[in-house]
């Protein structure tokens, strides 16, 4: 897969356009990056691929570090024979350059979705916290709590932004034709029904189903006149 294989038409700024870099810089001067030995155009393409809500990478690659690597490669950064980026590029990607970090946050903010901007900031902070805490657990008493809190916030925001009722409804509709006659007894089916419809009295046996009195095979209910 290359950049040309990705639909970028709905991006905040289309990285496949000839005037992409100029358009980015026109949106905000924070995109006028000048980082030694790191190509500015590739950095801006990386930001779009990694942090645009409409990006294939954002929607389809769920693991954060895998998404960073894939976005960087698609942006044109090359891995060496050891499977590593150059030290300069790596430092930028792991959050060691404040100018670049500001550009990332600005790109998220410009999408006019405060929840998404929060998600991007939380992901950046969690990544930096993980790196800074390596080998220092003995003197980072609250590091675990910070990471747990950030992870919880990220999970909640991802569900809210990318996994809401609309997504669940679409998934349900996709398989509805092949599962219409299947009794929904799996826990995940019941959970989906609850999430989609907020059902409180839903039954996997269908609407109107009533539980009958328990009897053993061959038993008959006693007649009233026999009582």
N, C-alpha and C. Protein backbone atom coordinates (compact mmCIF):
# COMPACT_ATOMS: atom_id res chain seq x y z
N UNK A 1 0.84 -1.20 0.00
CA UNK A 1 0.00 0.00 0.00
C UNK A 1 0.87 1.25 0.00
N UNK A 2 0.47 2.24 -0.79
CA UNK A 2 1.17 3.52 -0.83
C UNK A 2 0.17 4.63 -0.55
N UNK A 3 0.68 5.84 -0.45
CA UNK A 3 -0.18 7.00 -0.20
C UNK A 3 -1.25 7.13 -1.30
N UNK A 4 -0.89 6.81 -2.52
CA UNK A 4 -1.83 6.94 -3.64
C UNK A 4 -2.98 5.93 -3.57
N UNK A 5 -2.84 4.91 -2.74
CA UNK A 5 -3.91 3.91 -2.59
C UNK A 5 -4.94 4.32 -1.53
N UNK A 6 -4.68 5.40 -0.82
CA UNK A 6 -5.54 5.82 0.28
C UNK A 6 -6.43 6.98 -0.15
N UNK A 7 -7.69 6.91 0.19
CA UNK A 7 -8.62 8.01 -0.08
C UNK A 7 -8.37 9.13 0.92
N UNK A 8 -7.82 10.22 0.45
CA UNK A 8 -7.50 11.35 1.32
C UNK A 8 -8.39 12.56 1.01
N UNK A 9 -9.44 12.33 0.25
CA UNK A 9 -10.27 13.45 -0.22
C UNK A 9 -11.02 14.15 0.90
N UNK A 10 -11.24 13.46 2.02
CA UNK A 10 -12.00 14.04 3.12
C UNK A 10 -11.10 14.51 4.26
N UNK A 11 -9.81 14.51 4.04
CA UNK A 11 -8.87 14.98 5.06
C UNK A 11 -9.03 16.48 5.27
N UNK A 12 -8.65 16.92 6.43
CA UNK A 12 -8.62 18.35 6.71
C UNK A 12 -7.77 19.07 5.67
N UNK A 13 -6.67 18.44 5.30
CA UNK A 13 -5.80 18.96 4.24
C UNK A 13 -5.29 17.74 3.47
N UNK A 14 -5.51 17.72 2.18
CA UNK A 14 -5.26 16.53 1.37
C UNK A 14 -3.78 16.37 1.05
N UNK A 15 -3.12 15.34 1.60
CA UNK A 15 -1.67 15.17 1.39
C UNK A 15 -1.30 14.74 -0.02
N UNK A 16 -2.27 14.42 -0.86
CA UNK A 16 -1.97 14.03 -2.23
C UNK A 16 -2.03 15.21 -3.19
N UNK A 17 -2.41 16.36 -2.69
CA UNK A 17 -2.45 17.56 -3.52
C UNK A 17 -1.05 18.17 -3.64
N UNK A 18 -0.78 18.78 -4.80
CA UNK A 18 0.53 19.38 -5.05
C UNK A 18 0.83 20.53 -4.08
N UNK A 19 -0.22 21.23 -3.67
CA UNK A 19 -0.03 22.38 -2.78
C UNK A 19 -0.30 22.04 -1.32
N UNK A 20 -0.14 20.77 -0.97
CA UNK A 20 -0.44 20.31 0.39
C UNK A 20 0.36 21.06 1.45
N UNK A 21 1.67 21.15 1.27
CA UNK A 21 2.52 21.81 2.28
C UNK A 21 2.13 23.27 2.43
N UNK A 22 1.90 23.93 1.32
CA UNK A 22 1.50 25.34 1.37
C UNK A 22 0.17 25.50 2.09
N UNK A 23 -0.78 24.61 1.82
CA UNK A 23 -2.08 24.67 2.48
C UNK A 23 -1.96 24.45 3.98
N UNK A 24 -1.10 23.54 4.37
CA UNK A 24 -0.90 23.29 5.80
C UNK A 24 -0.34 24.52 6.48
N UNK A 25 0.66 25.12 5.87
CA UNK A 25 1.29 26.31 6.47
C UNK A 25 0.33 27.49 6.50
N UNK A 26 -0.58 27.54 5.54
CA UNK A 26 -1.57 28.62 5.52
C UNK A 26 -2.59 28.47 6.65
N UNK A 27 -2.84 27.23 7.07
CA UNK A 27 -3.78 27.00 8.16
C UNK A 27 -3.22 27.49 9.49
N UNK A 28 -1.91 27.29 9.68
CA UNK A 28 -1.27 27.71 10.94
C UNK A 28 0.24 27.71 10.75
N UNK A 29 0.89 28.69 11.37
CA UNK A 29 2.35 28.76 11.24
C UNK A 29 3.07 27.68 12.03
N UNK A 30 2.35 26.93 12.87
CA UNK A 30 3.00 25.83 13.61
C UNK A 30 3.40 24.70 12.67
N UNK A 31 2.80 24.69 11.47
CA UNK A 31 3.15 23.66 10.49
C UNK A 31 4.38 24.03 9.67
N UNK A 32 4.91 25.20 9.90
CA UNK A 32 6.14 25.61 9.22
C UNK A 32 7.32 25.05 9.99
N UNK A 33 7.45 23.73 9.93
CA UNK A 33 8.45 23.01 10.72
C UNK A 33 9.83 23.08 10.07
N UNK A 34 10.82 23.16 10.90
CA UNK A 34 12.21 23.17 10.43
C UNK A 34 13.05 22.35 11.40
N UNK A 35 13.00 21.04 11.22
CA UNK A 35 13.68 20.11 12.11
C UNK A 35 14.88 19.53 11.38
N UNK A 36 16.02 19.63 11.96
CA UNK A 36 17.27 19.23 11.32
C UNK A 36 17.23 17.78 10.85
N UNK A 37 17.56 17.59 9.58
CA UNK A 37 17.71 16.27 8.95
C UNK A 37 16.41 15.47 8.89
N UNK A 38 15.29 16.18 8.97
CA UNK A 38 13.99 15.52 8.83
C UNK A 38 13.17 16.30 7.80
N UNK A 39 12.70 15.60 6.76
CA UNK A 39 11.97 16.24 5.68
C UNK A 39 10.63 16.78 6.15
N UNK A 40 10.40 18.08 5.94
CA UNK A 40 9.19 18.74 6.43
C UNK A 40 7.93 18.21 5.76
N UNK A 41 7.97 18.02 4.44
CA UNK A 41 6.79 17.52 3.73
C UNK A 41 6.39 16.15 4.25
N UNK A 42 7.36 15.28 4.46
CA UNK A 42 7.06 13.94 4.97
C UNK A 42 6.46 14.03 6.38
N UNK A 43 6.96 14.94 7.19
CA UNK A 43 6.41 15.11 8.54
C UNK A 43 4.95 15.53 8.49
N UNK A 44 4.63 16.47 7.59
CA UNK A 44 3.25 16.95 7.50
C UNK A 44 2.32 15.88 6.95
N UNK A 45 2.82 15.09 5.99
CA UNK A 45 2.01 13.97 5.48
C UNK A 45 1.77 12.96 6.61
N UNK A 46 2.82 12.71 7.40
CA UNK A 46 2.68 11.81 8.55
C UNK A 46 1.59 12.30 9.50
N UNK A 47 1.59 13.59 9.80
CA UNK A 47 0.58 14.15 10.71
C UNK A 47 -0.82 13.90 10.16
N UNK A 48 -1.01 14.12 8.86
CA UNK A 48 -2.32 13.93 8.25
C UNK A 48 -2.74 12.46 8.31
N UNK A 49 -1.83 11.57 7.98
CA UNK A 49 -2.16 10.14 7.97
C UNK A 49 -2.41 9.60 9.38
N UNK A 50 -1.63 10.09 10.32
CA UNK A 50 -1.70 9.57 11.69
C UNK A 50 -2.85 10.17 12.48
N UNK A 51 -3.17 11.45 12.23
CA UNK A 51 -4.07 12.15 13.15
C UNK A 51 -5.36 12.68 12.52
N UNK A 52 -5.55 12.49 11.23
CA UNK A 52 -6.83 12.91 10.65
C UNK A 52 -7.91 11.88 10.97
N UNK A 53 -9.06 12.37 11.40
CA UNK A 53 -10.16 11.47 11.76
C UNK A 53 -10.61 10.59 10.60
N UNK A 54 -10.42 11.08 9.37
CA UNK A 54 -10.87 10.35 8.19
C UNK A 54 -9.78 9.44 7.62
N UNK A 55 -8.66 9.37 8.26
CA UNK A 55 -7.54 8.60 7.73
C UNK A 55 -7.77 7.10 7.84
N UNK A 56 -7.36 6.38 6.83
CA UNK A 56 -7.38 4.92 6.86
C UNK A 56 -6.60 4.41 8.07
N UNK A 57 -5.44 5.01 8.32
CA UNK A 57 -4.60 4.56 9.43
C UNK A 57 -5.33 4.75 10.76
N UNK A 58 -5.99 5.89 10.92
CA UNK A 58 -6.71 6.18 12.17
C UNK A 58 -7.86 5.21 12.37
N UNK A 59 -8.56 4.88 11.31
CA UNK A 59 -9.76 4.06 11.43
C UNK A 59 -9.47 2.56 11.47
N UNK A 60 -8.45 2.12 10.74
CA UNK A 60 -8.25 0.69 10.55
C UNK A 60 -7.13 0.09 11.37
N UNK A 61 -6.15 0.90 11.77
CA UNK A 61 -5.03 0.36 12.54
C UNK A 61 -5.21 0.75 14.00
N UNK A 62 -5.65 -0.18 14.81
CA UNK A 62 -6.06 0.13 16.18
C UNK A 62 -4.89 0.29 17.14
N UNK A 63 -3.80 -0.40 16.90
CA UNK A 63 -2.67 -0.33 17.83
C UNK A 63 -1.86 0.94 17.55
N UNK A 64 -1.66 1.70 18.59
CA UNK A 64 -1.09 3.04 18.46
C UNK A 64 0.30 3.03 17.81
N UNK A 65 1.21 2.22 18.32
CA UNK A 65 2.57 2.20 17.79
C UNK A 65 2.61 1.63 16.38
N UNK A 66 1.79 0.65 16.10
CA UNK A 66 1.71 0.11 14.74
C UNK A 66 1.19 1.19 13.78
N UNK A 67 0.23 1.99 14.25
CA UNK A 67 -0.32 3.07 13.42
C UNK A 67 0.75 4.13 13.15
N UNK A 68 1.56 4.44 14.14
CA UNK A 68 2.64 5.41 13.96
C UNK A 68 3.63 4.93 12.91
N UNK A 69 4.04 3.68 13.02
CA UNK A 69 5.02 3.12 12.08
C UNK A 69 4.47 3.10 10.66
N UNK A 70 3.24 2.61 10.51
CA UNK A 70 2.63 2.53 9.18
C UNK A 70 2.46 3.92 8.57
N UNK A 71 2.03 4.88 9.37
CA UNK A 71 1.83 6.24 8.87
C UNK A 71 3.17 6.84 8.43
N UNK A 72 4.22 6.59 9.20
CA UNK A 72 5.54 7.13 8.86
C UNK A 72 6.06 6.54 7.55
N UNK A 73 5.87 5.24 7.37
CA UNK A 73 6.32 4.59 6.14
C UNK A 73 5.53 5.11 4.94
N UNK A 74 4.22 5.24 5.10
CA UNK A 74 3.39 5.77 4.01
C UNK A 74 3.76 7.21 3.68
N UNK A 75 4.23 7.95 4.69
CA UNK A 75 4.62 9.34 4.48
C UNK A 75 5.96 9.45 3.74
N UNK A 76 6.69 8.34 3.65
CA UNK A 76 7.94 8.34 2.91
C UNK A 76 9.19 8.14 3.73
N UNK A 77 9.05 7.98 5.06
CA UNK A 77 10.22 7.71 5.88
C UNK A 77 10.63 6.24 5.70
N UNK A 78 11.92 6.00 5.65
CA UNK A 78 12.44 4.69 5.29
C UNK A 78 13.07 4.00 6.49
N UNK A 79 12.83 2.71 6.60
CA UNK A 79 13.46 1.90 7.63
C UNK A 79 14.83 1.43 7.13
N UNK A 80 15.81 1.38 8.03
CA UNK A 80 17.13 0.89 7.62
C UNK A 80 17.15 -0.64 7.66
N UNK A 81 18.30 -1.21 7.44
CA UNK A 81 18.42 -2.67 7.39
C UNK A 81 18.07 -3.34 8.71
N UNK A 82 18.14 -2.58 9.79
CA UNK A 82 17.79 -3.12 11.11
C UNK A 82 16.32 -2.89 11.45
N UNK A 83 15.56 -2.37 10.47
CA UNK A 83 14.15 -2.12 10.71
C UNK A 83 13.89 -0.91 11.57
N UNK A 84 14.81 0.07 11.54
CA UNK A 84 14.68 1.26 12.37
C UNK A 84 14.66 2.51 11.49
N UNK A 85 13.97 3.54 11.98
CA UNK A 85 14.05 4.84 11.34
C UNK A 85 15.36 5.50 11.78
N UNK A 86 15.74 6.56 11.08
CA UNK A 86 16.92 7.30 11.52
C UNK A 86 16.68 7.86 12.91
N UNK A 87 17.74 8.13 13.64
CA UNK A 87 17.61 8.62 15.00
C UNK A 87 16.83 9.93 15.04
N UNK A 88 17.05 10.81 14.06
CA UNK A 88 16.36 12.10 14.02
C UNK A 88 14.86 11.91 13.83
N UNK A 89 14.49 11.03 12.91
CA UNK A 89 13.06 10.76 12.67
C UNK A 89 12.44 10.09 13.88
N UNK A 90 13.15 9.14 14.46
CA UNK A 90 12.64 8.42 15.62
C UNK A 90 12.37 9.36 16.78
N UNK A 91 13.27 10.30 17.02
CA UNK A 91 13.07 11.25 18.11
C UNK A 91 11.80 12.06 17.94
N UNK A 92 11.52 12.43 16.69
CA UNK A 92 10.29 13.18 16.42
C UNK A 92 9.07 12.30 16.67
N UNK A 93 9.11 11.07 16.17
CA UNK A 93 7.94 10.18 16.25
C UNK A 93 7.61 9.79 17.69
N UNK A 94 8.60 9.76 18.56
CA UNK A 94 8.33 9.37 19.95
C UNK A 94 8.08 10.57 20.85
N UNK A 95 7.90 11.74 20.24
CA UNK A 95 7.46 12.90 21.02
C UNK A 95 8.56 13.72 21.65
N UNK A 96 9.79 13.64 21.10
CA UNK A 96 10.91 14.36 21.70
C UNK A 96 11.12 15.75 21.11
N UNK A 97 10.24 16.18 20.21
CA UNK A 97 10.38 17.51 19.61
C UNK A 97 9.12 18.33 19.89
N UNK A 98 9.25 19.37 20.66
CA UNK A 98 8.09 20.15 21.08
C UNK A 98 7.40 20.86 19.92
N UNK A 99 8.15 21.32 18.94
CA UNK A 99 7.54 21.99 17.78
C UNK A 99 6.63 21.03 17.03
N UNK A 100 7.11 19.82 16.88
CA UNK A 100 6.30 18.81 16.19
C UNK A 100 5.08 18.44 17.01
N UNK A 101 5.24 18.30 18.32
CA UNK A 101 4.12 17.97 19.19
C UNK A 101 3.02 19.03 19.10
N UNK A 102 3.43 20.29 19.06
CA UNK A 102 2.47 21.39 18.93
C UNK A 102 1.73 21.31 17.60
N UNK A 103 2.43 20.92 16.54
CA UNK A 103 1.81 20.78 15.23
C UNK A 103 0.76 19.67 15.24
N UNK A 104 1.05 18.59 15.92
CA UNK A 104 0.10 17.47 16.02
C UNK A 104 -1.17 17.91 16.74
N UNK A 105 -0.99 18.58 17.88
CA UNK A 105 -2.15 19.04 18.65
C UNK A 105 -2.96 20.05 17.84
N UNK A 106 -2.27 20.95 17.14
CA UNK A 106 -2.96 21.94 16.33
C UNK A 106 -3.79 21.27 15.23
N UNK A 107 -3.24 20.24 14.61
CA UNK A 107 -3.98 19.53 13.55
C UNK A 107 -5.25 18.89 14.13
N UNK A 108 -5.13 18.34 15.33
CA UNK A 108 -6.30 17.74 15.97
C UNK A 108 -7.34 18.80 16.31
N UNK A 109 -6.89 19.93 16.83
CA UNK A 109 -7.81 21.01 17.21
C UNK A 109 -8.53 21.58 16.00
N UNK A 110 -7.84 21.68 14.88
CA UNK A 110 -8.43 22.27 13.68
C UNK A 110 -9.55 21.41 13.08
N UNK A 111 -9.70 20.21 13.58
CA UNK A 111 -10.80 19.36 13.10
C UNK A 111 -12.10 19.65 13.86
N UNK A 112 -12.05 20.63 14.75
CA UNK A 112 -13.23 21.15 15.45
C UNK A 112 -14.03 20.05 16.16
N UNK A 113 -13.29 19.15 16.80
CA UNK A 113 -13.92 18.11 17.61
C UNK A 113 -13.09 18.02 18.89
N UNK A 114 -13.58 18.64 19.96
CA UNK A 114 -12.81 18.73 21.19
C UNK A 114 -12.53 17.36 21.78
N UNK A 115 -13.46 16.44 21.62
CA UNK A 115 -13.24 15.09 22.15
C UNK A 115 -12.09 14.40 21.41
N UNK A 116 -12.04 14.60 20.11
CA UNK A 116 -10.96 14.00 19.33
C UNK A 116 -9.63 14.65 19.67
N UNK A 117 -9.63 15.97 19.85
CA UNK A 117 -8.40 16.66 20.24
C UNK A 117 -7.89 16.13 21.58
N UNK A 118 -8.80 15.90 22.51
CA UNK A 118 -8.41 15.33 23.81
C UNK A 118 -7.81 13.94 23.63
N UNK A 119 -8.41 13.15 22.75
CA UNK A 119 -7.91 11.80 22.50
C UNK A 119 -6.47 11.85 22.00
N UNK A 120 -6.19 12.72 21.05
CA UNK A 120 -4.83 12.84 20.50
C UNK A 120 -3.85 13.25 21.58
N UNK A 121 -4.22 14.22 22.40
CA UNK A 121 -3.33 14.69 23.47
C UNK A 121 -3.08 13.58 24.49
N UNK A 122 -4.11 12.86 24.86
CA UNK A 122 -3.95 11.76 25.82
C UNK A 122 -3.03 10.68 25.27
N UNK A 123 -3.18 10.36 23.98
CA UNK A 123 -2.32 9.33 23.36
C UNK A 123 -0.87 9.79 23.37
N UNK A 124 -0.64 11.05 23.03
CA UNK A 124 0.73 11.58 23.04
C UNK A 124 1.33 11.51 24.44
N UNK A 125 0.55 11.92 25.43
CA UNK A 125 1.06 11.94 26.80
C UNK A 125 1.33 10.53 27.33
N UNK A 126 0.45 9.60 26.99
CA UNK A 126 0.65 8.22 27.45
C UNK A 126 1.92 7.65 26.83
N UNK A 127 2.13 7.91 25.56
CA UNK A 127 3.33 7.40 24.89
C UNK A 127 4.59 7.96 25.53
N UNK A 128 4.60 9.27 25.78
CA UNK A 128 5.77 9.91 26.40
C UNK A 128 5.98 9.39 27.83
N UNK A 129 4.89 9.16 28.54
CA UNK A 129 4.99 8.66 29.91
C UNK A 129 5.57 7.25 29.93
N UNK A 130 5.16 6.42 28.98
CA UNK A 130 5.69 5.07 28.89
C UNK A 130 7.20 5.09 28.68
N UNK A 131 7.65 5.97 27.78
CA UNK A 131 9.08 6.05 27.48
C UNK A 131 9.86 6.57 28.68
N UNK A 132 9.35 7.63 29.32
CA UNK A 132 10.07 8.23 30.44
C UNK A 132 10.10 7.33 31.66
N UNK A 133 9.16 6.39 31.77
CA UNK A 133 9.07 5.53 32.95
C UNK A 133 9.87 4.25 32.82
N UNK A 134 10.41 3.97 31.65
CA UNK A 134 11.14 2.71 31.45
C UNK A 134 12.33 2.63 32.38
N UNK A 135 12.38 1.56 33.16
CA UNK A 135 13.50 1.34 34.06
C UNK A 135 13.49 2.19 35.31
N UNK A 136 12.41 2.91 35.57
CA UNK A 136 12.37 3.81 36.71
C UNK A 136 11.16 3.57 37.60
N UNK A 137 10.66 2.35 37.61
CA UNK A 137 9.44 2.07 38.36
C UNK A 137 9.62 2.30 39.86
N UNK A 138 10.83 2.14 40.36
CA UNK A 138 11.03 2.29 41.80
C UNK A 138 10.80 3.72 42.27
N UNK A 139 11.06 4.71 41.39
CA UNK A 139 10.87 6.09 41.82
C UNK A 139 9.75 6.78 41.05
N UNK A 140 8.86 5.97 40.48
CA UNK A 140 7.72 6.52 39.74
C UNK A 140 6.43 5.97 40.36
N UNK A 141 6.25 6.29 41.63
CA UNK A 141 5.13 5.72 42.35
C UNK A 141 3.78 5.99 41.73
N UNK A 142 3.59 7.16 41.13
CA UNK A 142 2.29 7.48 40.56
C UNK A 142 2.25 7.29 39.05
N UNK A 143 3.35 6.77 38.47
CA UNK A 143 3.38 6.59 37.01
C UNK A 143 2.32 5.60 36.56
N UNK A 144 2.18 4.50 37.31
CA UNK A 144 1.19 3.49 36.93
C UNK A 144 -0.22 4.07 36.98
N UNK A 145 -0.50 4.83 38.02
CA UNK A 145 -1.83 5.43 38.13
C UNK A 145 -2.08 6.40 36.97
N UNK A 146 -1.06 7.20 36.62
CA UNK A 146 -1.21 8.13 35.51
C UNK A 146 -1.49 7.38 34.21
N UNK A 147 -0.75 6.30 34.00
CA UNK A 147 -0.94 5.52 32.78
C UNK A 147 -2.29 4.83 32.76
N UNK A 148 -2.70 4.31 33.90
CA UNK A 148 -4.02 3.67 33.98
C UNK A 148 -5.13 4.70 33.70
N UNK A 149 -4.98 5.89 34.28
CA UNK A 149 -5.98 6.93 34.07
C UNK A 149 -6.04 7.35 32.61
N UNK A 150 -4.86 7.55 32.00
CA UNK A 150 -4.81 7.95 30.60
C UNK A 150 -5.39 6.85 29.71
N UNK A 151 -5.05 5.60 30.00
CA UNK A 151 -5.55 4.48 29.21
C UNK A 151 -7.08 4.41 29.27
N UNK A 152 -7.62 4.63 30.46
CA UNK A 152 -9.08 4.61 30.62
C UNK A 152 -9.73 5.75 29.84
N UNK A 153 -9.12 6.93 29.92
CA UNK A 153 -9.65 8.09 29.17
C UNK A 153 -9.60 7.82 27.67
N UNK A 154 -8.49 7.25 27.20
CA UNK A 154 -8.34 6.96 25.77
C UNK A 154 -9.38 5.95 25.31
N UNK A 155 -9.56 4.89 26.09
CA UNK A 155 -10.53 3.87 25.72
C UNK A 155 -11.94 4.45 25.66
N UNK A 156 -12.27 5.30 26.63
CA UNK A 156 -13.59 5.91 26.64
C UNK A 156 -13.81 6.84 25.47
N UNK A 157 -12.80 7.63 25.13
CA UNK A 157 -12.92 8.56 24.01
C UNK A 157 -12.98 7.82 22.68
N UNK A 158 -12.19 6.76 22.54
CA UNK A 158 -12.22 5.97 21.30
C UNK A 158 -13.59 5.37 21.09
N UNK A 159 -14.18 4.85 22.17
CA UNK A 159 -15.52 4.28 22.06
C UNK A 159 -16.53 5.34 21.68
N UNK A 160 -16.40 6.50 22.29
CA UNK A 160 -17.34 7.59 22.03
C UNK A 160 -17.22 8.13 20.61
N UNK A 161 -15.97 8.26 20.12
CA UNK A 161 -15.75 8.86 18.81
C UNK A 161 -15.89 7.85 17.68
N UNK A 162 -15.29 6.66 17.86
CA UNK A 162 -15.23 5.71 16.75
C UNK A 162 -16.09 4.47 16.95
N UNK A 163 -16.70 4.30 18.11
CA UNK A 163 -17.44 3.07 18.35
C UNK A 163 -18.79 3.31 18.95
N UNK A 164 -19.46 4.35 18.55
CA UNK A 164 -20.77 4.70 19.10
C UNK A 164 -21.89 3.88 18.50
N UNK A 165 -23.11 4.34 18.73
CA UNK A 165 -24.28 3.60 18.29
C UNK A 165 -24.32 3.43 16.79
N UNK A 166 -23.84 4.44 16.05
CA UNK A 166 -23.88 4.35 14.60
C UNK A 166 -23.06 3.17 14.09
N UNK A 167 -21.86 2.98 14.66
CA UNK A 167 -21.01 1.88 14.25
C UNK A 167 -21.64 0.55 14.61
N UNK A 168 -22.20 0.45 15.81
CA UNK A 168 -22.84 -0.78 16.23
C UNK A 168 -24.04 -1.09 15.34
N UNK A 169 -24.81 -0.09 14.98
CA UNK A 169 -25.96 -0.28 14.12
C UNK A 169 -25.54 -0.76 12.74
N UNK A 170 -24.43 -0.17 12.22
CA UNK A 170 -23.93 -0.58 10.92
C UNK A 170 -23.48 -2.03 10.95
N UNK A 171 -22.79 -2.41 12.01
CA UNK A 171 -22.33 -3.79 12.12
C UNK A 171 -23.50 -4.75 12.21
N UNK A 172 -24.51 -4.37 12.96
CA UNK A 172 -25.69 -5.20 13.11
C UNK A 172 -26.40 -5.36 11.77
N UNK A 173 -26.53 -4.25 11.02
CA UNK A 173 -27.21 -4.29 9.74
C UNK A 173 -26.44 -5.15 8.74
N UNK A 174 -25.10 -5.11 8.81
CA UNK A 174 -24.27 -5.86 7.88
C UNK A 174 -24.54 -7.35 7.94
N UNK A 175 -24.75 -7.85 9.15
CA UNK A 175 -24.93 -9.29 9.31
C UNK A 175 -26.39 -9.69 9.51
N UNK A 176 -27.28 -8.73 9.48
CA UNK A 176 -28.67 -9.02 9.82
C UNK A 176 -29.28 -10.03 8.85
N UNK A 177 -28.92 -9.92 7.56
CA UNK A 177 -29.51 -10.81 6.56
C UNK A 177 -29.16 -12.26 6.77
N UNK A 178 -27.94 -12.53 7.27
CA UNK A 178 -27.52 -13.91 7.44
C UNK A 178 -27.82 -14.46 8.82
N UNK A 179 -28.21 -13.60 9.74
CA UNK A 179 -28.45 -14.06 11.12
C UNK A 179 -29.87 -13.81 11.57
N UNK A 180 -30.74 -13.43 10.63
CA UNK A 180 -32.10 -13.07 11.02
C UNK A 180 -32.82 -14.22 11.71
N UNK A 181 -32.55 -15.45 11.25
CA UNK A 181 -33.27 -16.59 11.81
C UNK A 181 -32.49 -17.27 12.92
N UNK A 182 -31.30 -16.80 13.22
CA UNK A 182 -30.49 -17.44 14.25
C UNK A 182 -30.89 -16.92 15.62
N UNK A 183 -31.17 -17.82 16.54
CA UNK A 183 -31.47 -17.41 17.90
C UNK A 183 -30.24 -16.78 18.53
N UNK A 184 -30.39 -15.60 19.09
CA UNK A 184 -29.25 -14.86 19.63
C UNK A 184 -29.05 -15.20 21.10
N UNK A 185 -28.20 -16.19 21.31
CA UNK A 185 -27.97 -16.62 22.67
C UNK A 185 -26.57 -16.30 23.17
N UNK A 186 -25.66 -15.89 22.24
CA UNK A 186 -24.31 -15.58 22.67
C UNK A 186 -24.29 -14.30 23.50
N UNK A 187 -23.44 -14.23 24.52
CA UNK A 187 -23.38 -13.02 25.36
C UNK A 187 -23.08 -11.77 24.55
N UNK A 188 -22.20 -11.88 23.52
CA UNK A 188 -21.88 -10.69 22.75
C UNK A 188 -23.07 -10.19 21.94
N UNK A 189 -23.97 -11.13 21.54
CA UNK A 189 -25.18 -10.71 20.83
C UNK A 189 -26.09 -9.91 21.75
N UNK A 190 -26.26 -10.43 22.95
CA UNK A 190 -27.10 -9.74 23.92
C UNK A 190 -26.52 -8.36 24.24
N UNK A 191 -25.19 -8.30 24.39
CA UNK A 191 -24.54 -7.03 24.69
C UNK A 191 -24.75 -6.03 23.56
N UNK A 192 -24.62 -6.49 22.30
CA UNK A 192 -24.85 -5.60 21.16
C UNK A 192 -26.27 -5.07 21.15
N UNK A 193 -27.23 -5.96 21.42
CA UNK A 193 -28.63 -5.53 21.43
C UNK A 193 -28.85 -4.46 22.49
N UNK A 194 -28.20 -4.67 23.64
CA UNK A 194 -28.38 -3.69 24.73
C UNK A 194 -27.75 -2.36 24.36
N UNK A 195 -26.53 -2.40 23.80
CA UNK A 195 -25.85 -1.16 23.44
C UNK A 195 -26.60 -0.39 22.37
N UNK A 196 -27.15 -1.11 21.39
CA UNK A 196 -27.82 -0.45 20.27
C UNK A 196 -29.17 0.11 20.68
N UNK A 197 -29.94 -0.68 21.40
CA UNK A 197 -31.32 -0.30 21.69
C UNK A 197 -31.58 0.07 23.14
N UNK A 198 -30.56 -0.08 24.00
CA UNK A 198 -30.75 0.18 25.43
C UNK A 198 -31.94 -0.61 25.99
N UNK A 199 -31.99 -1.88 25.60
CA UNK A 199 -33.13 -2.70 25.98
C UNK A 199 -33.02 -3.16 27.43
N UNK A 200 -34.14 -3.14 28.10
CA UNK A 200 -34.16 -3.58 29.49
C UNK A 200 -34.88 -4.91 29.67
N UNK A 201 -35.79 -5.22 28.74
CA UNK A 201 -36.54 -6.46 28.87
C UNK A 201 -36.43 -7.28 27.60
N UNK A 202 -35.25 -7.17 26.93
CA UNK A 202 -35.08 -7.87 25.67
C UNK A 202 -34.93 -9.36 25.90
N UNK A 203 -35.50 -10.17 25.00
CA UNK A 203 -35.39 -11.62 25.09
C UNK A 203 -34.80 -12.16 23.80
N UNK A 204 -33.82 -13.06 23.87
CA UNK A 204 -33.24 -13.63 22.67
C UNK A 204 -34.21 -14.50 21.89
N UNK A 205 -35.37 -14.86 22.51
CA UNK A 205 -36.35 -15.72 21.85
C UNK A 205 -37.38 -14.94 21.06
N UNK A 206 -37.27 -13.59 21.06
CA UNK A 206 -38.21 -12.79 20.29
C UNK A 206 -39.19 -12.05 21.17
N UNK A 207 -39.79 -11.02 20.57
CA UNK A 207 -40.74 -10.18 21.30
C UNK A 207 -42.01 -10.97 21.65
N UNK A 208 -42.48 -10.80 22.83
CA UNK A 208 -43.72 -11.44 23.24
C UNK A 208 -43.55 -12.82 23.82
N UNK A 209 -42.32 -13.33 23.85
CA UNK A 209 -42.11 -14.67 24.38
C UNK A 209 -42.37 -14.68 25.89
N UNK A 210 -43.11 -15.70 26.33
CA UNK A 210 -43.39 -15.84 27.74
C UNK A 210 -42.91 -17.20 28.22
N UNK A 211 -42.32 -17.22 29.39
CA UNK A 211 -41.82 -18.48 29.94
C UNK A 211 -42.98 -19.33 30.42
N UNK A 212 -43.01 -20.59 29.97
CA UNK A 212 -44.08 -21.50 30.38
C UNK A 212 -43.71 -22.16 31.70
N UNK A 213 -44.74 -22.71 32.38
CA UNK A 213 -44.49 -23.45 33.61
C UNK A 213 -43.61 -24.66 33.32
N UNK A 214 -42.68 -24.95 34.20
CA UNK A 214 -41.76 -26.06 34.00
C UNK A 214 -42.48 -27.38 34.22
N UNK A 215 -42.30 -28.30 33.25
CA UNK A 215 -42.85 -29.66 33.39
C UNK A 215 -41.81 -30.64 32.89
N UNK A 216 -41.90 -31.88 33.36
CA UNK A 216 -41.04 -32.93 32.85
C UNK A 216 -41.68 -33.53 31.60
N UNK A 217 -40.84 -34.14 30.75
CA UNK A 217 -41.37 -34.75 29.52
C UNK A 217 -42.43 -35.78 29.88
N UNK A 218 -43.60 -35.70 29.27
CA UNK A 218 -44.70 -36.63 29.53
C UNK A 218 -45.66 -36.16 30.58
N UNK A 219 -45.25 -35.17 31.36
CA UNK A 219 -46.15 -34.63 32.39
C UNK A 219 -47.27 -33.82 31.76
N UNK A 220 -48.36 -33.75 32.45
CA UNK A 220 -49.46 -32.89 32.04
C UNK A 220 -49.82 -31.99 33.20
N UNK A 221 -50.27 -30.77 32.86
CA UNK A 221 -50.71 -29.88 33.91
C UNK A 221 -51.94 -30.47 34.59
N UNK A 222 -52.05 -30.41 35.90
CA UNK A 222 -53.22 -30.98 36.59
C UNK A 222 -54.49 -30.22 36.24
N UNK A 223 -55.56 -30.99 36.08
CA UNK A 223 -56.87 -30.37 35.78
C UNK A 223 -57.42 -29.73 37.06
N UNK A 224 -58.09 -28.61 36.84
CA UNK A 224 -58.59 -27.84 37.99
C UNK A 224 -59.55 -28.67 38.84
N UNK A 225 -60.40 -29.52 38.18
CA UNK A 225 -61.39 -30.25 38.98
C UNK A 225 -60.75 -31.39 39.75
N UNK A 226 -59.44 -31.66 39.43
CA UNK A 226 -58.77 -32.73 40.18
C UNK A 226 -58.10 -32.20 41.42
N UNK A 227 -58.07 -30.93 41.56
CA UNK A 227 -57.41 -30.34 42.73
C UNK A 227 -58.35 -30.32 43.92
